[in-house]
């Protein structure tokens, strides 16, 4: 029985990477610190090596509310502290009385520096407070080069990880019945759109599943998948709760803008 049968085809390169990390720790007694992993990648890691008694697996994103987290993998006899994850937390100083910044603007400015998304953790936003978690190896460079976000002049101030804020929990749960688990059907139902409107969104690369662009309307969605649609927000399939008498799937999902 192949281990790959539990994962999608596009996830296989990451599965191979995790298995290489595991071997390096078990055979060569090394430790491994990853870049920031999204929740789906974290789930894959836990599935593959979460029950291995010879290795110690831990995650941190600088806050108990963080979605994106770095993974540290060590031989079981080593301990891991928060400092081992090499994280820095910054607050964004900007004229909040005169301008409103959105998550996409903050992320866009960070990505315009030419660095990998994997080097940035969560961006926390609550009222006028904005914070971002950054890998320490690039933190000084980012701090020195981020001077504007959107139309606002900004400054990044390093603060202690203990000063993290709790982001607004604006997930809303709902239920739906769908005729198929195709991504175009799911997106149309969750966002109350027609399938003729969903198809162009997919074709233009505006729909992602588990943080990866999906360009096929017949892509099959599974329980636990995260879905994002540009300008419409994010959703997660919490559970597939069975079938109706008319052979439709009964779903429970969370959605936020």
Protein backbone atom coordinates (compact mmCIF):
# COMPACT_ATOMS: atom_id res chain seq x y z
CA UNK A 1 0.00 0.00 0.00
CA UNK A 2 1.54 3.29 -1.13
CA UNK A 3 1.69 6.18 1.32
CA UNK A 4 0.85 8.51 -1.55
CA UNK A 5 -2.71 7.21 -1.83
CA UNK A 6 -3.65 9.35 1.16
CA UNK A 7 -2.63 12.56 -0.57
CA UNK A 8 -3.38 14.45 -3.77
CA UNK A 9 -0.99 14.25 -6.69
CA UNK A 10 0.09 17.87 -6.27
CA UNK A 11 0.96 17.21 -2.61
CA UNK A 12 3.50 14.50 -3.37
CA UNK A 13 6.58 16.79 -3.60
CA UNK A 14 5.82 18.10 -0.12
CA UNK A 15 5.26 14.55 1.16
CA UNK A 16 8.70 13.62 -0.19
CA UNK A 17 10.22 16.66 1.55
CA UNK A 18 8.68 15.67 4.89
CA UNK A 19 9.99 12.11 4.55
CA UNK A 20 13.47 13.49 3.83
CA UNK A 21 13.28 15.60 6.99
CA UNK A 22 12.21 12.56 8.98
CA UNK A 23 15.12 10.48 7.68
CA UNK A 24 17.64 13.25 8.44
CA UNK A 25 16.46 13.34 12.05
CA UNK A 26 16.18 9.60 12.63
CA UNK A 27 19.28 8.41 10.77
CA UNK A 28 21.69 11.35 11.04
CA UNK A 29 20.36 12.81 14.29
CA UNK A 30 19.96 16.28 12.80
CA UNK A 31 17.26 18.81 13.53
CA UNK A 32 15.12 20.53 10.93
CA UNK A 33 13.38 23.91 11.02
CA UNK A 34 10.95 24.54 8.20
CA UNK A 35 9.70 27.76 6.69
CA UNK A 36 6.12 28.69 7.56
CA UNK A 37 3.68 25.92 6.71
CA UNK A 38 0.01 26.44 6.01
CA UNK A 39 -2.57 24.40 7.96
CA UNK A 40 -2.85 21.76 5.24
CA UNK A 41 0.91 21.23 5.20
CA UNK A 42 0.91 20.95 8.99
CA UNK A 43 -1.79 18.30 8.73
CA UNK A 44 0.35 16.36 6.24
CA UNK A 45 3.35 16.51 8.57
CA UNK A 46 1.31 15.24 11.51
CA UNK A 47 -0.15 12.44 9.40
CA UNK A 48 3.28 11.28 8.22
CA UNK A 49 5.40 11.56 11.35
CA UNK A 50 3.19 12.70 14.21
CA UNK A 51 3.30 9.26 15.87
CA UNK A 52 7.00 8.53 15.36
CA UNK A 53 8.52 7.91 18.81
CA UNK A 54 12.04 8.55 17.52
CA UNK A 55 11.41 12.17 16.61
CA UNK A 56 10.01 15.18 18.41
CA UNK A 57 7.62 17.30 16.36
CA UNK A 58 6.57 20.81 17.33
CA UNK A 59 5.08 23.89 15.70
CA UNK A 60 4.95 27.60 16.42
CA UNK A 61 3.71 30.65 14.59
CA UNK A 62 4.50 33.13 17.33
CA UNK A 63 0.96 33.10 18.71
CA UNK A 64 -1.59 30.46 19.75
CA UNK A 65 -3.90 32.01 17.16
CA UNK A 66 -1.46 31.63 14.25
CA UNK A 67 -2.52 29.58 11.22
CA UNK A 68 0.86 29.61 9.50
CA UNK A 69 3.54 27.99 11.65
CA UNK A 70 7.15 26.85 11.44
CA UNK A 71 7.85 23.20 12.19
CA UNK A 72 10.82 21.95 14.21
CA UNK A 73 11.76 18.30 14.01
CA UNK A 74 14.44 16.89 16.32
CA UNK A 75 15.60 13.59 17.79
CA UNK A 76 13.32 12.68 20.70
CA UNK A 77 16.03 13.39 23.30
CA UNK A 78 16.23 17.09 22.41
CA UNK A 79 13.93 19.78 23.74
CA UNK A 80 12.53 22.67 21.73
CA UNK A 81 11.98 26.19 23.06
CA UNK A 82 10.16 29.12 21.50
CA UNK A 83 13.50 30.71 20.56
CA UNK A 84 14.33 27.70 18.39
CA UNK A 85 11.61 28.68 15.91
CA UNK A 86 13.44 31.93 15.03
CA UNK A 87 10.38 34.16 14.86
CA UNK A 88 10.02 37.91 15.12
CA UNK A 89 6.82 39.86 15.69
CA UNK A 90 6.38 43.38 14.34
CA UNK A 91 3.68 45.97 14.84
CA UNK A 92 2.83 48.22 11.90
CA UNK A 93 2.91 51.90 12.83
CA UNK A 94 0.67 53.86 10.44
CA UNK A 95 -1.71 56.86 10.58
CA UNK A 96 -4.79 54.86 11.51
CA UNK A 97 -6.94 57.98 11.97
CA UNK A 98 -6.58 58.88 8.31
CA UNK A 99 -6.21 55.62 6.42
CA UNK A 100 -7.54 52.07 6.55
CA UNK A 101 -5.28 49.18 5.57
CA UNK A 102 -6.45 45.76 4.45
CA UNK A 103 -4.80 42.38 4.86
CA UNK A 104 -4.14 42.06 1.14
CA UNK A 105 -2.33 45.41 1.09
CA UNK A 106 -0.04 44.41 3.94
CA UNK A 107 0.75 41.05 2.36
CA UNK A 108 1.21 42.67 -1.04
CA UNK A 109 3.83 45.08 0.30
CA UNK A 110 5.72 42.23 1.97
CA UNK A 111 5.68 40.13 -1.18
CA UNK A 112 6.86 43.08 -3.29
CA UNK A 113 10.22 42.76 -1.54
CA UNK A 114 10.86 39.69 -3.69
CA UNK A 115 10.89 37.19 -0.82
CA UNK A 116 9.10 33.85 -0.62
CA UNK A 117 5.66 33.74 0.98
CA UNK A 118 7.00 30.89 3.09
CA UNK A 119 9.17 33.36 5.05
CA UNK A 120 6.14 35.24 6.37
CA UNK A 121 3.75 34.01 9.02
CA UNK A 122 0.36 35.37 9.94
CA UNK A 123 -0.76 38.97 9.64
CA UNK A 124 -2.92 39.77 12.68
CA UNK A 125 -5.47 42.56 12.39
CA UNK A 126 -7.89 43.84 15.01
CA UNK A 127 -9.44 47.31 14.88
CA UNK A 128 -6.51 49.66 14.14
CA UNK A 129 -3.80 47.24 15.25
CA UNK A 130 -1.76 45.35 12.65
CA UNK A 131 0.97 42.83 13.48
CA UNK A 132 2.98 40.44 11.34
CA UNK A 133 5.20 37.46 12.11
CA UNK A 134 8.40 37.14 10.09
CA UNK A 135 11.22 34.58 9.99
CA UNK A 136 14.17 36.05 11.87
CA UNK A 137 16.61 35.40 9.01
CA UNK A 138 14.89 38.04 6.85
CA UNK A 139 13.39 40.24 9.57
CA UNK A 140 16.03 42.98 9.56
CA UNK A 141 15.83 43.29 5.77
CA UNK A 142 12.04 43.54 5.84
CA UNK A 143 12.05 46.09 8.65
CA UNK A 144 14.52 48.30 6.76
CA UNK A 145 12.69 48.15 3.43
CA UNK A 146 8.98 48.37 4.27
CA UNK A 147 8.17 52.08 4.23
CA UNK A 148 4.77 52.20 2.57
CA UNK A 149 1.70 49.99 2.55
CA UNK A 150 -1.02 51.03 0.14
CA UNK A 151 -1.05 54.82 0.32
CA UNK A 152 0.18 54.94 3.91
CA UNK A 153 3.67 55.66 5.18
CA UNK A 154 4.51 52.99 7.73
CA UNK A 155 7.19 51.79 10.09
CA UNK A 156 7.70 48.28 11.42
CA UNK A 157 8.45 48.12 15.14
CA UNK A 158 9.75 44.91 16.64
CA UNK A 159 7.82 43.79 19.72
CA UNK A 160 7.91 40.75 21.98
CA UNK A 161 6.08 37.64 20.84
CA UNK A 162 4.10 37.86 24.08
CA UNK A 163 2.50 41.08 22.81
CA UNK A 164 0.55 39.33 20.06
CA UNK A 165 -3.07 40.34 19.68
CA UNK A 166 -6.03 38.05 19.19
CA UNK A 167 -7.32 38.55 15.66
CA UNK A 168 -11.02 38.99 15.16
CA UNK A 169 -12.68 35.60 14.93
CA UNK A 170 -15.09 36.29 12.11
CA UNK A 171 -15.70 32.75 10.90
CA UNK A 172 -19.38 32.06 10.28
CA UNK A 173 -20.55 28.46 10.10
CA UNK A 174 -23.26 27.37 7.70
CA UNK A 175 -24.63 24.25 6.06
CA UNK A 176 -25.42 23.44 2.46
CA UNK A 177 -26.39 20.60 0.17
CA UNK A 178 -24.60 20.20 -3.15
CA UNK A 179 -24.98 17.84 -6.07
CA UNK A 180 -21.23 17.35 -6.47
CA UNK A 181 -17.94 18.00 -4.68
CA UNK A 182 -16.54 19.82 -7.72
CA UNK A 183 -14.90 23.10 -6.82
CA UNK A 184 -17.16 25.13 -9.13
CA UNK A 185 -20.27 23.65 -7.52
CA UNK A 186 -18.95 24.21 -3.98
CA UNK A 187 -17.87 27.81 -4.61
CA UNK A 188 -21.14 28.68 -6.30
CA UNK A 189 -23.12 27.35 -3.34
CA UNK A 190 -20.99 28.87 -0.57
CA UNK A 191 -20.79 32.34 -2.10
CA UNK A 192 -24.26 32.38 -3.67
CA UNK A 193 -22.89 32.73 -7.18
CA UNK A 194 -23.97 31.23 -10.47
CA UNK A 195 -21.66 28.60 -11.94
CA UNK A 196 -21.32 30.76 -15.05
CA UNK A 197 -19.76 33.43 -12.82
CA UNK A 198 -17.57 30.96 -10.97
CA UNK A 199 -15.95 29.50 -14.09
CA UNK A 200 -14.20 32.76 -15.10
CA UNK A 201 -12.90 33.16 -11.54
CA UNK A 202 -11.29 29.73 -11.79
CA UNK A 203 -9.93 30.40 -15.29
CA UNK A 204 -8.32 33.66 -14.09
CA UNK A 205 -6.53 31.92 -11.21
CA UNK A 206 -8.60 33.63 -8.52
CA UNK A 207 -9.63 30.42 -6.74
CA UNK A 208 -7.28 28.53 -4.43
CA UNK A 209 -7.66 25.25 -2.57
CA UNK A 210 -5.24 24.73 0.31
CA UNK A 211 -3.34 27.85 -0.76
CA UNK A 212 -2.71 26.58 -4.30
CA UNK A 213 -4.37 27.92 -7.45
CA UNK A 214 -6.95 25.57 -8.94
CA UNK A 215 -7.50 25.97 -12.67
CA UNK A 216 -9.97 23.16 -13.27
CA UNK A 217 -13.69 23.49 -12.46
CA UNK A 218 -13.92 19.71 -11.93
CA UNK A 219 -11.30 19.70 -9.15
CA UNK A 220 -12.74 17.60 -6.31
CA UNK A 221 -13.01 19.16 -2.86
CA UNK A 222 -12.46 17.07 0.29
CA UNK A 223 -13.32 17.44 3.94
CA UNK A 224 -10.85 19.75 5.66
CA UNK A 225 -9.97 21.68 2.50
CA UNK A 226 -9.49 25.44 2.68
CA UNK A 227 -10.93 27.45 -0.21
CA UNK A 228 -10.25 31.09 -1.02
CA UNK A 229 -11.78 33.23 -3.75
CA UNK A 230 -10.25 36.61 -4.51
CA UNK A 231 -12.50 39.42 -3.20
CA UNK A 232 -15.03 36.91 -1.81
CA UNK A 233 -13.09 35.62 1.19
CA UNK A 234 -12.06 32.26 2.59
CA UNK A 235 -13.91 29.13 3.59
CA UNK A 236 -13.19 25.72 5.04
CA UNK A 237 -15.07 22.47 4.60
CA UNK A 238 -15.62 21.51 8.23
CA UNK A 239 -17.41 18.23 7.56
CA UNK A 240 -19.18 16.16 4.94
CA UNK A 241 -22.10 15.02 7.05
CA UNK A 242 -23.61 12.47 4.71
CA UNK A 243 -26.00 12.23 1.80
CA UNK A 244 -29.58 13.37 1.41
CA UNK A 245 -32.36 11.17 0.07
CA UNK A 246 -31.77 12.79 -3.31
CA UNK A 247 -28.09 11.78 -3.24
CA UNK A 248 -26.75 15.23 -2.53
CA UNK A 249 -23.82 15.92 -0.23
CA UNK A 250 -24.64 17.57 3.08
CA UNK A 251 -21.84 19.97 4.07
CA UNK A 252 -20.91 22.04 7.09
CA UNK A 253 -18.50 24.85 6.31
CA UNK A 254 -17.01 27.98 7.83
CA UNK A 255 -16.67 31.19 5.88
CA UNK A 256 -15.11 34.57 6.51
CA UNK A 257 -14.43 37.65 4.45
